Amino acid sequence: MTDKLELDEMIKKFDDLKKDFKLDLSSDQDLTIAIMNLVSIEEHFFFTGAKTSNPKYYDLLAEIREMRKDLLKRIVKDYEGEVWCISKHLLAASYRLMEVGTKAQGRGKKEEAEDMFAKAYELYSLFWGLNMNLIQTADLKKIDDQALNKRDQEEVLKEEEGRSEKKKGLGGKLGDLVRKVIDCCIE
């Protein structure tokens, strides 16, 4: 019941944010996908420049980087410390895991693909959690094995035994929230 209450509290907080800031999350979600692709384009220009020894690719990289920074500012408005950089890397890592998952799926490795997709979505949800101020970075602490409660340990054991269950940690809760509040089909 606690997980349901925490998710309900997050949804209420999100609804309040939406009213206060007039968020258009379907457009913002599209924008995050564009930003993911721009990060990937930056990487490709880097590797092409290095492989060909043609510095013109580095100039193109710089242009794309400026565009990506400008677009990221539209979503990552208020940040402290390294939240800006963390946000960029969460989107980039999410995109790369989607790519790895898609390639695994194409090779017929369905379980590996689903694992990559779940990890990509967890990172994407963490991005939104940070940037909608649903989680406070000051509250995040490194969790060691002794900090796991009995339910967490049971979930880890079930996962190790190959019995998949919905994750209930912070990533799972944020994923539930993103599923409930971001509807990319709204035009």
Protein backbone atom coordinates (compact mmCIF):
# COMPACT_ATOMS: atom_id res chain seq x y z
CA MET A 1 0.00 0.00 0.00
CA THR A 2 2.91 2.35 0.69
CA ASP A 3 4.10 2.09 -2.93
CA LYS A 4 0.63 3.05 -4.16
CA LEU A 5 0.54 6.06 -1.80
CA GLU A 6 4.00 7.22 -2.90
CA LEU A 7 3.02 6.92 -6.57
CA ASP A 8 -0.22 8.80 -5.90
CA GLU A 9 1.78 11.54 -4.15
CA MET A 10 4.13 11.78 -7.15
CA ILE A 11 1.18 12.02 -9.53
CA LYS A 12 -0.41 14.76 -7.41
CA LYS A 13 2.90 16.66 -7.35
CA PHE A 14 3.14 16.28 -11.11
CA ASP A 15 -0.45 17.49 -11.62
CA ASP A 16 0.34 20.56 -9.50
CA LEU A 17 3.46 21.22 -11.60
CA LYS A 18 1.45 20.86 -14.78
CA LYS A 19 -1.06 23.45 -13.58
CA ASP A 20 1.63 25.87 -12.36
CA PHE A 21 3.96 25.65 -15.35
CA LYS A 22 1.60 24.64 -18.15
CA LEU A 23 3.81 21.69 -19.13
CA ASP A 24 3.22 20.09 -22.50
CA LEU A 25 4.84 16.78 -21.77
CA SER A 26 3.87 15.13 -25.03
CA SER A 27 5.91 17.79 -26.86
CA ASP A 28 8.64 17.61 -24.22
CA GLN A 29 8.82 13.85 -24.66
CA ASP A 30 9.24 14.33 -28.42
CA LEU A 31 11.92 16.90 -27.66
CA THR A 32 13.83 14.45 -25.44
CA ILE A 33 13.88 11.92 -28.28
CA ALA A 34 15.25 14.61 -30.59
CA ILE A 35 17.92 15.47 -28.00
CA MET A 36 18.85 11.79 -27.74
CA ASN A 37 19.35 11.71 -31.50
CA LEU A 38 21.41 14.90 -31.44
CA VAL A 39 23.74 13.37 -28.83
CA SER A 40 24.09 10.37 -31.13
CA ILE A 41 24.84 12.63 -34.10
CA GLU A 42 27.55 14.35 -32.02
CA GLU A 43 29.11 10.93 -31.38
CA HIS A 44 28.97 10.02 -35.07
CA PHE A 45 30.62 13.29 -36.11
CA PHE A 46 33.35 12.68 -33.53
CA PHE A 47 34.08 9.14 -34.70
CA THR A 48 33.87 10.09 -38.39
CA GLY A 49 36.27 12.99 -37.79
CA ALA A 50 38.68 10.70 -35.97
CA LYS A 51 38.47 7.90 -38.54
CA THR A 52 38.87 10.19 -41.56
CA SER A 53 41.19 12.78 -39.97
CA ASN A 54 38.89 15.39 -41.49
CA PRO A 55 38.44 18.30 -39.05
CA LYS A 56 35.28 19.49 -40.84
CA TYR A 57 33.37 16.80 -38.94
CA TYR A 58 34.45 18.39 -35.66
CA ASP A 59 33.02 21.71 -36.87
CA LEU A 60 29.71 19.98 -37.59
CA LEU A 61 29.88 18.35 -34.16
CA ALA A 62 30.20 21.81 -32.58
CA GLU A 63 27.13 23.06 -34.48
CA ILE A 64 25.04 20.07 -33.43
CA ARG A 65 26.25 20.42 -29.82
CA GLU A 66 25.04 24.03 -29.69
CA MET A 67 21.65 22.99 -31.04
CA ARG A 68 21.43 20.16 -28.50
CA LYS A 69 22.34 22.51 -25.63
CA ASP A 70 19.70 25.02 -26.72
CA LEU A 71 17.01 22.34 -26.90
CA LEU A 72 18.01 20.76 -23.58
CA LYS A 73 17.55 24.16 -21.91
CA ARG A 74 13.87 23.97 -22.81
CA ILE A 75 13.45 20.96 -20.53
CA VAL A 76 16.25 21.22 -17.96
CA LYS A 77 15.32 24.65 -16.62
CA ASP A 78 16.40 24.71 -12.99
CA TYR A 79 19.33 22.59 -12.01
CA GLU A 80 21.93 22.42 -9.33
CA GLY A 81 25.36 20.88 -9.32
CA GLU A 82 25.70 18.45 -12.18
CA VAL A 83 22.00 17.84 -12.87
CA TRP A 84 22.41 19.37 -16.35
CA CYS A 85 25.17 16.94 -17.26
CA ILE A 86 23.45 14.03 -15.50
CA SER A 87 20.32 14.77 -17.54
CA LYS A 88 22.25 14.73 -20.81
CA HIS A 89 23.93 11.44 -19.91
CA LEU A 90 20.67 9.85 -18.76
CA LEU A 91 19.13 10.62 -22.15
CA ALA A 92 22.23 9.47 -24.02
CA ALA A 93 22.48 6.22 -22.06
CA SER A 94 18.76 5.57 -22.47
CA TYR A 95 19.08 6.00 -26.23
CA ARG A 96 22.11 3.71 -26.44
CA LEU A 97 20.36 0.99 -24.42
CA MET A 98 17.37 1.25 -26.76
CA GLU A 99 19.77 0.78 -29.68
CA VAL A 100 21.44 -2.24 -28.03
CA GLY A 101 18.01 -3.69 -27.26
CA THR A 102 16.83 -3.20 -30.83
CA LYS A 103 19.96 -4.94 -32.17
CA ALA A 104 19.51 -7.82 -29.69
CA GLN A 105 15.89 -8.14 -30.76
CA GLY A 106 16.98 -8.28 -34.40
CA ARG A 107 19.32 -11.18 -33.53
CA GLY A 108 16.45 -13.03 -31.89
CA LYS A 109 17.67 -12.40 -28.33
CA LYS A 110 14.30 -11.39 -26.94
CA GLU A 111 15.16 -11.58 -23.21
CA GLU A 112 18.34 -9.53 -23.67
CA ALA A 113 16.38 -6.97 -25.70
CA GLU A 114 13.68 -6.70 -23.03
CA ASP A 115 16.34 -6.24 -20.35
CA MET A 116 17.94 -3.40 -22.34
CA PHE A 117 14.56 -1.80 -22.99
CA ALA A 118 13.67 -1.96 -19.27
CA LYS A 119 16.99 -0.35 -18.34
CA ALA A 120 16.54 2.34 -21.01
CA TYR A 121 13.09 3.16 -19.67
CA GLU A 122 14.36 3.26 -16.09
CA LEU A 123 17.02 5.82 -17.09
CA TYR A 124 14.46 7.82 -19.07
CA SER A 125 12.14 7.82 -16.05
CA LEU A 126 15.00 8.96 -13.82
CA PHE A 127 15.60 11.85 -16.24
CA TRP A 128 11.98 12.95 -15.82
CA GLY A 129 12.08 12.41 -12.07
CA LEU A 130 15.07 14.74 -11.79
CA ASN A 131 13.71 17.37 -14.12
CA MET A 132 10.19 17.47 -12.72
CA ASN A 133 11.68 17.79 -9.23
CA LEU A 134 9.98 14.57 -8.16
CA ILE A 135 13.21 13.41 -6.60
CA GLN A 136 15.64 15.59 -4.78
CA THR A 137 19.29 14.91 -5.50
CA ALA A 138 20.19 15.78 -1.92
CA ASP A 139 18.07 12.83 -0.78
CA LEU A 140 19.88 10.33 -3.00
CA LYS A 141 22.39 8.17 -1.20
CA LYS A 142 24.46 5.19 -2.22
CA ILE A 143 22.56 2.08 -1.22
CA ASP A 144 24.64 -0.86 -0.15
CA ASP A 145 23.53 -4.50 0.11
CA GLN A 146 22.75 -4.15 3.83
CA ALA A 147 20.25 -1.38 3.06
CA LEU A 148 18.01 -3.71 1.09
CA ASN A 149 14.85 -4.63 2.94
CA LYS A 150 13.32 -8.11 2.92
CA ARG A 151 10.99 -7.33 0.00
CA ASP A 152 13.90 -5.94 -2.05
CA GLN A 153 15.97 -9.05 -1.31
CA GLU A 154 13.08 -11.28 -2.39
CA GLU A 155 12.75 -9.34 -5.66
CA VAL A 156 16.51 -9.71 -6.30
CA LEU A 157 16.27 -13.47 -5.65
CA LYS A 158 13.28 -13.81 -7.97
CA GLU A 159 15.16 -11.87 -10.64
CA GLU A 160 18.23 -14.09 -10.23
CA GLU A 161 16.02 -17.18 -10.51
CA GLY A 162 14.68 -15.87 -13.80
CA ARG A 163 11.24 -14.96 -12.49
CA SER A 164 10.58 -11.50 -13.76
CA GLU A 165 8.59 -9.15 -11.58
CA LYS A 166 7.87 -5.48 -11.86
CA LYS A 167 10.62 -3.50 -10.14
CA LYS A 168 9.43 -1.44 -7.22
CA GLY A 169 12.43 0.72 -6.41
CA LEU A 170 12.75 4.39 -7.33
CA GLY A 171 13.15 3.52 -11.02
CA GLY A 172 10.02 1.38 -10.97
CA LYS A 173 7.99 4.08 -9.24
CA LEU A 174 9.19 6.75 -11.64
CA GLY A 175 8.47 4.43 -14.56
CA ASP A 176 4.91 3.98 -13.28
CA LEU A 177 4.58 7.75 -13.03
CA VAL A 178 5.91 8.39 -16.54
CA ARG A 179 3.49 5.80 -17.92
CA LYS A 180 0.56 7.51 -16.18
CA VAL A 181 1.31 11.15 -16.92
CA ILE A 182 3.07 11.32 -20.27
CA ASP A 183 0.77 10.47 -23.12
CA CYS A 184 2.68 11.05 -26.34
CA CYS A 185 -0.47 10.40 -28.37
CA ILE A 186 -2.12 13.65 -27.30
CA GLU A 187 -1.87 16.05 -30.21
